[in-house]
Amino acid sequence: MIIIFCKKLIQFEFTNFVIMSELKKKIILAYSGGLDTSCILKWLIDKGYEVIVYVANIGQEDDFDAVREKANNIGASKVIIEDLKEKFIISYVWPLIKCGLLYEGRYLLGTSLARPCISEGLINVAKKENAKIISHGATGKGNDQIRFELSCYTLYPEVQIIAPWREAEFFDRFQGRSDLLKYAEKNGIPVSATPKDPWSMDANLLHISYESGILENPNNSAPKNLYKLTKDQIDASDKFQDIEINFLKGVPNFIKDCERNEIFSGPLKIMEILNKFGGNHGIGRIDIVENRYIGLKSRGIYESPGAKILHEAHKDLEIFLLDKEILRLKFYLSDKMSDYVYNGFWFSPECDFVKTCLETSQEYVNGTVRVRLYKGNVIIMGRSSEISLYNESLVSMDIKGDFQPEDAGGFIRIQAVRLKEYQRFKLQQQKKS
């Protein structure tokens, strides 16, 4: 009897130890300090996890001391805040500019690029802390869940991911932001969102995005007080501003304020000053409906002043410098890579391949573009380069140069052969019918 009792006691204690070990598993939470992730932090702790909070500083203007204090007060076992601003610009934003990325012809991918950057930091911390589980606050209807998880699975194949917004226990309890606000109030979690203005905002050095709440109706105009980074075009200065942007191998090298004759260099400084200049002139606002990878359409509002200026200037310089057929191939590949990035495949082999091809095209993209900023417009005023494919004497109407005008006749007649044959074909079809 004593032996049987001891065996049962040992079995009970072992089972209890296993249960406690499971409950105390380490989890790294991608944390913003906002409503969703603050509630998720509390929810994970209540479920028995040891939660290490990871915050990536990619240029959002947060009070990181307050974010740390909030996470600690909620019960995080550790708070890691990492400055990734320069890495974000060099490794993600500059490739955006070089590769000419623009999703569906309008969106400069500010959130899409931030997610793999954050994921890199998240995985590095998970490995360092010997944690096998990661969690995030992305919703089950959005793109970010895909971007985070595809990145994490690629960088750390054995990782497990808990996505509360896909857990029935979580989403049955929290139908939306109003339920989260009640939960936050009940648990003493301070949040900036209120039932009056419940839209969601996400910021980094590249842009600010807005969605949710009243913005979900695509016919509702954005409230004037929504915008944080740019002035309304109507309220922007009546005086234009001229700047010069110098590129070296497709990467912004320095910018010059032409009026003050002031030079700004360095990745962070360039991005910050262009955001300031562009914001003052109401540049980079878009209000769009886009196609999410998951199959839904969504309405998003974005402010990307610096990125818009760089995109337009870089595109102009490329057209000036690149071979015609390379340029057209680049347009095609840029469109493909934009889809890859938007859909969460930054670390995929296809994205690596296309990115390598696109960056190869930038070897000779060296020069300066003069830009005028005025009332929401990026106006190209001129461009120059020490060496270019633009041959002024060859193209001039005042100089014959090496061009033989008589050759154009043969060129036109050869091009006309196909058009003549098609016209003959059409006339025959019409007579037959």
Protein backbone atom coordinates (compact mmCIF):
# COMPACT_ATOMS: atom_id res chain seq x y z
CA MET A 1 0.00 0.00 0.00
CA ILE A 2 2.80 2.40 0.91
CA ILE A 3 4.60 1.64 -2.36
CA ILE A 4 1.42 2.24 -4.41
CA PHE A 5 0.78 5.52 -2.52
CA CYS A 6 4.34 6.69 -3.16
CA LYS A 7 4.07 5.87 -6.86
CA LYS A 8 0.82 7.81 -7.13
CA LEU A 9 2.34 10.72 -5.22
CA ILE A 10 5.39 10.77 -7.51
CA GLN A 11 3.14 10.51 -10.59
CA PHE A 12 0.97 13.39 -9.29
CA GLU A 13 3.98 15.57 -8.56
CA PHE A 14 5.52 14.82 -11.96
CA THR A 15 2.25 15.60 -13.76
CA ASN A 16 1.93 18.80 -11.77
CA PHE A 17 5.54 19.73 -12.64
CA VAL A 18 4.87 19.11 -16.35
CA ILE A 19 1.72 21.25 -16.21
CA MET A 20 3.55 24.05 -14.42
CA SER A 21 6.43 23.80 -16.90
CA GLU A 22 3.98 24.10 -19.78
CA LEU A 23 2.27 27.06 -18.15
CA LYS A 24 5.52 28.84 -17.56
CA LYS A 25 6.80 28.61 -21.09
CA LYS A 26 8.61 31.70 -22.31
CA ILE A 27 6.94 33.71 -25.01
CA ILE A 28 8.23 36.77 -26.88
CA LEU A 29 5.49 39.28 -27.60
CA ALA A 30 5.86 41.84 -30.39
CA TYR A 31 4.65 44.82 -28.39
CA SER A 32 3.65 48.32 -29.42
CA GLY A 33 2.23 49.60 -26.15
CA GLY A 34 -1.13 50.18 -27.85
CA LEU A 35 -4.54 48.81 -27.02
CA ASP A 36 -4.33 45.40 -28.71
CA THR A 37 -0.88 44.30 -27.59
CA SER A 38 -1.36 45.63 -24.04
CA CYS A 39 -4.51 43.53 -23.66
CA ILE A 40 -2.78 40.55 -25.26
CA LEU A 41 0.11 40.90 -22.81
CA LYS A 42 -2.31 40.71 -19.88
CA TRP A 43 -4.22 37.82 -21.47
CA LEU A 44 -1.03 35.76 -22.02
CA ILE A 45 0.12 36.39 -18.45
CA ASP A 46 -3.29 35.28 -17.14
CA LYS A 47 -2.87 32.08 -19.15
CA GLY A 48 0.35 31.41 -17.25
CA TYR A 49 3.04 32.35 -19.75
CA GLU A 50 6.25 34.13 -18.87
CA VAL A 51 6.05 37.01 -21.34
CA ILE A 52 9.10 38.88 -22.58
CA VAL A 53 8.05 42.05 -24.36
CA TYR A 54 9.93 43.15 -27.48
CA VAL A 55 9.60 46.68 -28.82
CA ALA A 56 11.29 47.70 -32.08
CA ASN A 57 11.98 51.41 -32.41
CA ILE A 58 11.67 52.07 -36.14
CA GLY A 59 10.92 55.75 -35.84
CA GLN A 60 7.51 55.87 -34.20
CA GLU A 61 7.34 58.87 -31.89
CA ASP A 62 6.51 56.92 -28.73
CA ASP A 63 7.50 57.59 -25.16
CA PHE A 64 9.53 54.40 -24.79
CA ASP A 65 10.02 54.93 -21.07
CA ALA A 66 6.24 55.00 -20.71
CA VAL A 67 5.93 51.91 -22.92
CA ARG A 68 8.45 50.09 -20.72
CA GLU A 69 6.66 51.17 -17.55
CA LYS A 70 3.28 50.07 -18.91
CA ALA A 71 4.56 46.62 -19.90
CA ASN A 72 6.24 46.16 -16.52
CA ASN A 73 3.09 47.23 -14.68
CA ILE A 74 0.99 44.77 -16.67
CA GLY A 75 3.41 42.01 -15.66
CA ALA A 76 6.01 41.41 -18.36
CA SER A 77 9.01 39.45 -17.08
CA LYS A 78 11.36 41.55 -19.23
CA VAL A 79 11.04 44.49 -21.60
CA ILE A 80 13.47 44.76 -24.50
CA ILE A 81 13.41 47.97 -26.54
CA GLU A 82 15.73 47.92 -29.55
CA ASP A 83 16.66 50.87 -31.75
CA LEU A 84 16.32 49.64 -35.34
CA LYS A 85 15.91 53.02 -37.03
CA GLU A 86 19.12 52.99 -39.03
CA LYS A 87 18.78 49.32 -39.93
CA PHE A 88 15.23 49.96 -41.10
CA ILE A 89 16.37 52.75 -43.41
CA ILE A 90 19.48 51.05 -44.81
CA SER A 91 18.17 47.47 -45.12
CA TYR A 92 14.54 48.12 -45.98
CA VAL A 93 13.73 51.70 -47.00
CA TRP A 94 16.70 52.21 -49.33
CA PRO A 95 15.88 48.96 -51.19
CA LEU A 96 12.31 50.26 -51.52
CA ILE A 97 13.62 53.37 -53.27
CA LYS A 98 16.22 51.55 -55.38
CA CYS A 99 13.77 48.90 -56.50
CA GLY A 100 10.97 51.41 -57.18
CA LEU A 101 8.38 49.55 -55.11
CA LEU A 102 4.79 50.76 -55.22
CA TYR A 103 1.91 48.40 -54.45
CA GLU A 104 -1.04 48.69 -56.85
CA GLY A 105 0.52 51.86 -58.23
CA ARG A 106 -0.09 53.92 -55.06
CA TYR A 107 1.04 52.44 -51.74
CA LEU A 108 4.69 52.92 -50.69
CA LEU A 109 4.63 49.83 -48.43
CA GLY A 110 5.45 51.53 -45.13
CA THR A 111 3.82 48.88 -42.94
CA SER A 112 4.73 46.00 -45.26
CA LEU A 113 8.45 46.78 -44.95
CA ALA A 114 8.33 47.36 -41.20
CA ARG A 115 7.06 43.85 -40.43
CA PRO A 116 10.07 41.84 -41.67
CA CYS A 117 12.38 44.34 -39.97
CA ILE A 118 10.57 43.86 -36.65
CA SER A 119 10.49 40.10 -37.22
CA GLU A 120 14.27 40.01 -37.58
CA GLY A 121 14.66 41.70 -34.21
CA LEU A 122 11.99 39.49 -32.67
CA ILE A 123 13.69 36.29 -33.80
CA ASN A 124 17.13 37.46 -32.62
CA VAL A 125 15.68 38.07 -29.15
CA ALA A 126 13.84 34.72 -29.16
CA LYS A 127 17.07 32.87 -29.91
CA LYS A 128 19.01 34.84 -27.32
CA GLU A 129 16.36 34.23 -24.64
CA ASN A 130 15.99 30.56 -25.63
CA ALA A 131 12.28 31.06 -26.29
CA LYS A 132 10.46 28.90 -28.81
CA ILE A 133 7.17 30.80 -28.90
CA ILE A 134 6.32 34.17 -30.40
CA SER A 135 3.09 36.14 -30.22
CA HIS A 136 1.76 39.23 -31.99
CA GLY A 137 -1.32 41.42 -32.09
CA ALA A 138 -2.13 41.21 -35.79
CA THR A 139 -5.77 40.52 -36.59
CA GLY A 140 -7.08 37.42 -38.33
CA LYS A 141 -8.41 39.44 -41.27
CA GLY A 142 -5.28 41.45 -42.05
CA ASN A 143 -1.96 41.19 -43.86
CA ASP A 144 0.33 41.68 -40.86
CA GLN A 145 -0.27 38.19 -39.46
CA ILE A 146 1.06 36.79 -42.73
CA ARG A 147 4.03 39.16 -42.86
CA PHE A 148 5.09 38.47 -39.27
CA GLU A 149 4.63 34.73 -39.41
CA LEU A 150 6.16 34.03 -42.82
CA SER A 151 9.19 36.07 -41.76
CA CYS A 152 9.47 34.31 -38.41
CA TYR A 153 9.04 30.82 -39.83
CA THR A 154 11.72 31.52 -42.44
CA LEU A 155 14.23 32.95 -39.94
CA TYR A 156 13.46 30.43 -37.15
CA PRO A 157 11.82 27.30 -38.65
CA GLU A 158 11.20 25.61 -35.29
CA VAL A 159 9.37 28.58 -33.78
CA GLN A 160 5.77 28.29 -32.54
CA ILE A 161 3.41 31.22 -32.98
CA ILE A 162 0.42 32.23 -30.88
CA ALA A 163 -1.87 34.65 -32.70
CA PRO A 164 -4.59 35.56 -30.16
CA TRP A 165 -6.85 37.11 -32.80
CA ARG A 166 -7.08 33.61 -34.35
CA GLU A 167 -7.71 31.88 -31.00
CA ALA A 168 -11.43 31.22 -30.43
CA GLU A 169 -10.97 31.75 -26.68
CA PHE A 170 -9.68 35.25 -27.41
CA PHE A 171 -11.83 36.46 -30.31
CA ASP A 172 -15.04 35.09 -28.77
CA ARG A 173 -14.30 37.22 -25.73
CA PHE A 174 -13.11 40.29 -27.63
CA GLN A 175 -15.33 41.02 -30.63
CA GLY A 176 -13.54 44.28 -31.37
CA ARG A 177 -11.95 47.39 -29.99
CA SER A 178 -14.88 48.28 -27.72
CA ASP A 179 -14.45 44.98 -25.84
CA LEU A 180 -10.70 45.59 -25.58
CA LEU A 181 -11.30 49.07 -24.18
CA LYS A 182 -13.58 47.62 -21.49
CA TYR A 183 -11.00 44.94 -20.65
CA ALA A 184 -8.25 47.55 -20.45
CA GLU A 185 -10.32 49.72 -18.15
CA LYS A 186 -11.14 46.75 -15.91
CA ASN A 187 -7.47 45.80 -15.62
CA GLY A 188 -6.11 49.32 -15.21
CA ILE A 189 -4.35 49.37 -18.59
CA PRO A 190 -4.03 52.96 -19.92
CA VAL A 191 -4.65 53.32 -23.67
CA SER A 192 -4.78 56.26 -26.07
CA ALA A 193 -7.72 54.98 -28.13
CA THR A 194 -11.21 55.91 -26.96
CA PRO A 195 -14.72 54.94 -28.05
CA LYS A 196 -15.01 58.43 -29.63
CA ASP A 197 -11.95 58.11 -31.90
CA PRO A 198 -11.29 54.37 -32.23
CA TRP A 199 -9.23 54.29 -35.42
CA SER A 200 -5.94 52.42 -35.44
CA MET A 201 -2.62 54.13 -36.21
CA ASP A 202 0.78 52.64 -37.04
CA ALA A 203 3.87 54.84 -37.45
CA ASN A 204 7.50 54.48 -38.49
CA LEU A 205 10.18 56.49 -40.30
CA LEU A 206 8.61 55.69 -43.65
CA HIS A 207 4.98 56.55 -42.99
CA ILE A 208 1.93 56.67 -40.73
CA SER A 209 -1.06 54.48 -41.56
CA TYR A 210 -4.64 54.79 -40.33
CA GLU A 211 -7.45 52.25 -40.48
CA SER A 212 -10.44 50.84 -38.55
CA GLY A 213 -13.32 52.60 -36.83
CA ILE A 214 -15.15 55.17 -38.95
CA LEU A 215 -12.54 54.68 -41.68
CA GLU A 216 -13.99 51.24 -42.43
CA ASN A 217 -16.75 52.95 -44.40
CA PRO A 218 -14.84 53.84 -47.59
CA ASN A 219 -17.14 56.79 -48.26
CA ASN A 220 -16.40 58.51 -44.93
CA SER A 221 -13.91 61.32 -45.36
CA ALA A 222 -10.99 61.24 -42.96
CA PRO A 223 -11.37 63.66 -40.03
CA LYS A 224 -9.07 66.65 -40.41
CA ASN A 225 -7.48 65.99 -37.02
CA LEU A 226 -6.49 62.45 -38.03
CA TYR A 227 -3.29 63.41 -39.86
CA LYS A 228 -0.09 63.69 -37.80
CA LEU A 229 2.72 63.97 -40.35
CA THR A 230 1.46 66.21 -43.14
CA LYS A 231 -0.35 69.51 -43.46
CA ASP A 232 -3.51 69.75 -45.48
CA GLN A 233 -2.60 70.96 -48.97
CA ILE A 234 -4.93 73.92 -48.50
CA ASP A 235 -3.07 74.94 -45.34
CA ALA A 236 0.41 74.28 -46.73
CA SER A 237 2.76 77.16 -47.43
CA ASP A 238 2.04 79.37 -50.45
CA LYS A 239 5.80 79.53 -51.01
CA PHE A 240 7.43 76.63 -52.83
CA GLN A 241 10.65 74.96 -51.65
CA ASP A 242 13.42 73.78 -53.96
CA ILE A 243 15.73 70.96 -52.94
CA GLU A 244 18.34 68.82 -54.66
CA ILE A 245 18.62 65.08 -54.05
CA ASN A 246 21.87 63.34 -54.92
CA PHE A 247 21.84 59.58 -55.54
CA LEU A 248 24.79 57.19 -55.54
CA LYS A 249 24.05 53.77 -57.05
CA GLY A 250 20.36 54.44 -56.58
CA VAL A 251 20.66 55.30 -52.88
CA PRO A 252 20.05 58.82 -51.53
CA ASN A 253 23.49 60.24 -50.80
CA PHE A 254 22.68 63.76 -49.61
CA ILE A 255 20.04 66.45 -50.00
CA LYS A 256 20.47 70.18 -50.36
CA ASP A 257 18.08 72.93 -49.30
CA CYS A 258 18.61 75.29 -52.24
CA GLU A 259 17.39 78.43 -50.47
CA ARG A 260 19.57 78.02 -47.39
CA ASN A 261 22.37 76.22 -49.25
CA GLU A 262 22.30 73.63 -46.45
CA ILE A 263 23.42 70.01 -46.94
CA PHE A 264 21.93 67.01 -45.10
CA SER A 265 23.53 63.57 -45.23
CA GLY A 266 23.27 60.22 -43.47
CA PRO A 267 20.31 57.79 -43.82
CA LEU A 268 18.40 58.92 -40.73
CA LYS A 269 18.92 62.63 -41.30
CA ILE A 270 17.88 62.39 -44.95
CA MET A 271 14.67 60.56 -44.08
CA GLU A 272 13.81 62.82 -41.17
CA ILE A 273 14.42 66.07 -43.05
CA LEU A 274 12.47 64.92 -46.13
CA ASN A 275 9.55 63.91 -43.90
CA LYS A 276 9.69 67.38 -42.40
CA PHE A 277 9.94 69.19 -45.74
CA GLY A 278 7.30 67.03 -47.38
CA GLY A 279 4.98 67.23 -44.41
CA ASN A 280 5.14 71.04 -44.41
CA HIS A 281 4.03 71.06 -48.04
CA GLY A 282 1.26 68.48 -47.70
CA ILE A 283 3.08 65.83 -49.74
CA GLY A 284 2.51 62.07 -49.53
CA ARG A 285 -1.12 61.71 -48.40
CA ILE A 286 -3.19 58.95 -49.97
CA ASP A 287 -6.64 57.59 -49.13
CA ILE A 288 -7.09 54.23 -50.87
CA VAL A 289 -8.93 50.95 -51.00
CA GLU A 290 -6.40 48.17 -51.48
CA ASN A 291 -6.48 44.41 -52.05
CA ARG A 292 -5.24 42.45 -49.07
CA TYR A 293 -3.38 39.20 -49.73
CA ILE A 294 -5.93 37.30 -47.68
CA GLY A 295 -8.61 38.20 -50.24
CA LEU A 296 -10.41 41.14 -48.66
CA LYS A 297 -10.50 44.76 -49.75
CA SER A 298 -9.59 47.31 -47.08
CA ARG A 299 -9.50 51.07 -46.78
CA GLY A 300 -6.26 52.65 -45.60
CA ILE A 301 -5.02 56.20 -45.22
CA TYR A 302 -1.29 56.81 -45.44
CA GLU A 303 1.16 59.67 -45.00
CA SER A 304 4.57 59.10 -46.63
CA PRO A 305 6.05 62.54 -47.37
CA GLY A 306 9.76 61.69 -47.50
CA ALA A 307 9.25 58.41 -49.34
CA LYS A 308 7.03 60.11 -51.93
CA ILE A 309 9.70 62.73 -52.66
CA LEU A 310 12.44 60.10 -52.97
CA HIS A 311 10.32 57.82 -55.13
CA GLU A 312 9.50 60.55 -57.64
CA ALA A 313 13.08 61.89 -57.78
CA HIS A 314 14.61 58.43 -58.13
CA LYS A 315 12.18 57.41 -60.87
CA ASP A 316 13.04 60.55 -62.84
CA LEU A 317 16.77 59.91 -62.54
CA GLU A 318 16.35 56.30 -63.66
CA ILE A 319 14.48 57.30 -66.80
CA PHE A 320 17.31 59.74 -67.52
CA LEU A 321 20.06 57.16 -67.00
CA LEU A 322 18.83 53.62 -67.65
CA ASP A 323 18.66 51.81 -70.97
CA LYS A 324 15.11 51.70 -72.31
CA GLU A 325 14.72 47.91 -72.22
CA ILE A 326 16.33 47.59 -68.78
CA LEU A 327 13.94 50.26 -67.53
CA ARG A 328 10.92 48.38 -68.84
CA LEU A 329 12.12 45.12 -67.32
CA LYS A 330 12.66 46.96 -64.07
CA PHE A 331 9.08 48.28 -64.10
CA TYR A 332 7.83 44.70 -64.48
CA LEU A 333 10.10 43.30 -61.76
CA SER A 334 9.32 46.21 -59.42
CA ASP A 335 5.65 45.34 -59.69
CA LYS A 336 6.38 41.68 -58.87
CA MET A 337 8.55 42.57 -55.89
CA SER A 338 5.93 45.02 -54.60
CA ASP A 339 3.50 42.12 -54.46
CA TYR A 340 6.05 39.92 -52.68
CA VAL A 341 6.72 42.57 -50.04
CA TYR A 342 3.06 43.43 -49.53
CA ASN A 343 2.12 39.76 -49.21
CA GLY A 344 4.82 38.97 -46.63
CA PHE A 345 7.48 37.28 -48.75
CA TRP A 346 10.41 39.61 -48.03
CA PHE A 347 12.62 36.65 -47.00
CA SER A 348 11.49 34.36 -49.84
CA PRO A 349 13.83 33.05 -52.57
CA GLU A 350 11.77 34.76 -55.28
CA CYS A 351 12.01 38.11 -53.51
CA ASP A 352 15.77 37.66 -53.01
CA PHE A 353 16.19 36.87 -56.69
CA VAL A 354 14.14 39.80 -57.98
CA LYS A 355 15.73 42.20 -55.47
CA THR A 356 19.19 41.16 -56.70
CA CYS A 357 18.16 41.79 -60.31
CA LEU A 358 16.68 45.18 -59.49
CA GLU A 359 19.67 46.30 -57.45
CA THR A 360 21.99 45.31 -60.30
CA SER A 361 20.24 47.95 -62.42
CA GLN A 362 21.32 50.64 -59.95
CA GLU A 363 25.07 50.46 -60.61
CA TYR A 364 25.03 53.59 -62.79
CA VAL A 365 22.14 55.47 -61.17
CA ASN A 366 24.35 58.32 -60.00
CA GLY A 367 23.24 61.92 -60.23
CA THR A 368 21.22 64.79 -58.82
CA VAL A 369 17.56 65.66 -59.20
CA ARG A 370 16.25 69.15 -58.49
CA VAL A 371 12.79 69.04 -56.97
CA ARG A 372 10.21 71.69 -56.13
CA LEU A 373 7.82 71.01 -53.23
CA TYR A 374 4.54 72.87 -53.40
CA LYS A 375 0.97 72.28 -52.18
CA GLY A 376 1.12 68.48 -52.17
CA ASN A 377 3.13 68.26 -55.39
CA VAL A 378 6.60 66.93 -56.11
CA ILE A 379 7.64 68.84 -59.23
CA ILE A 380 10.78 67.76 -61.07
CA MET A 381 12.72 70.85 -62.13
CA GLY A 382 15.86 69.25 -63.57
CA ARG A 383 18.33 66.41 -63.36
CA SER A 384 22.06 65.98 -63.99
CA SER A 385 24.74 63.32 -64.00
CA GLU A 386 28.42 63.28 -64.92
CA ILE A 387 27.78 60.38 -67.34
CA SER A 388 24.41 59.49 -68.87
CA LEU A 389 22.71 57.91 -71.87
CA TYR A 390 21.22 61.29 -72.69
CA ASN A 391 23.20 62.60 -75.70
CA GLU A 392 22.30 66.25 -76.16
CA SER A 393 24.10 66.70 -79.47
CA LEU A 394 22.54 63.51 -80.87
CA VAL A 395 18.97 64.43 -79.87
CA SER A 396 19.22 68.16 -80.68
CA MET A 397 16.99 69.61 -83.42
CA ASP A 398 19.69 72.18 -84.15
CA ILE A 399 22.65 69.81 -84.63
CA LYS A 400 22.73 66.92 -87.12
CA GLY A 401 25.29 64.94 -85.15
CA ASP A 402 25.70 61.25 -86.03
CA PHE A 403 22.00 60.72 -86.70
CA GLN A 404 21.12 60.00 -90.36
CA PRO A 405 17.60 61.38 -91.04
CA GLU A 406 17.19 59.31 -94.22
CA ASP A 407 17.44 56.12 -92.11
CA ALA A 408 14.19 57.02 -90.38
CA GLY A 409 12.22 56.40 -93.59
CA GLY A 410 13.28 52.75 -93.77
CA PHE A 411 12.64 52.33 -90.07
CA ILE A 412 9.08 53.68 -90.46
CA ARG A 413 8.34 51.52 -93.53
CA ILE A 414 9.48 48.36 -91.72
CA GLN A 415 7.24 49.22 -88.75
CA ALA A 416 4.36 49.85 -91.15
CA VAL A 417 4.50 46.35 -92.68
CA ARG A 418 2.64 44.79 -89.75
CA LEU A 419 0.06 47.60 -89.66
CA LYS A 420 -0.63 47.33 -93.39
CA GLU A 421 -1.07 43.56 -93.16
CA TYR A 422 -3.47 43.92 -90.25
CA GLN A 423 -5.55 46.45 -92.18
CA ARG A 424 -5.68 44.08 -95.17
CA PHE A 425 -6.82 41.27 -92.87
CA LYS A 426 -9.59 43.44 -91.36
CA LEU A 427 -10.93 44.53 -94.75
CA GLN A 428 -11.08 40.90 -95.95
CA GLN A 429 -12.97 39.88 -92.82
CA GLN A 430 -15.46 42.73 -93.29
CA LYS A 431 -16.12 41.78 -96.94
CA LYS A 432 -16.63 38.14 -95.97
CA SER A 433 -19.18 39.03 -93.30
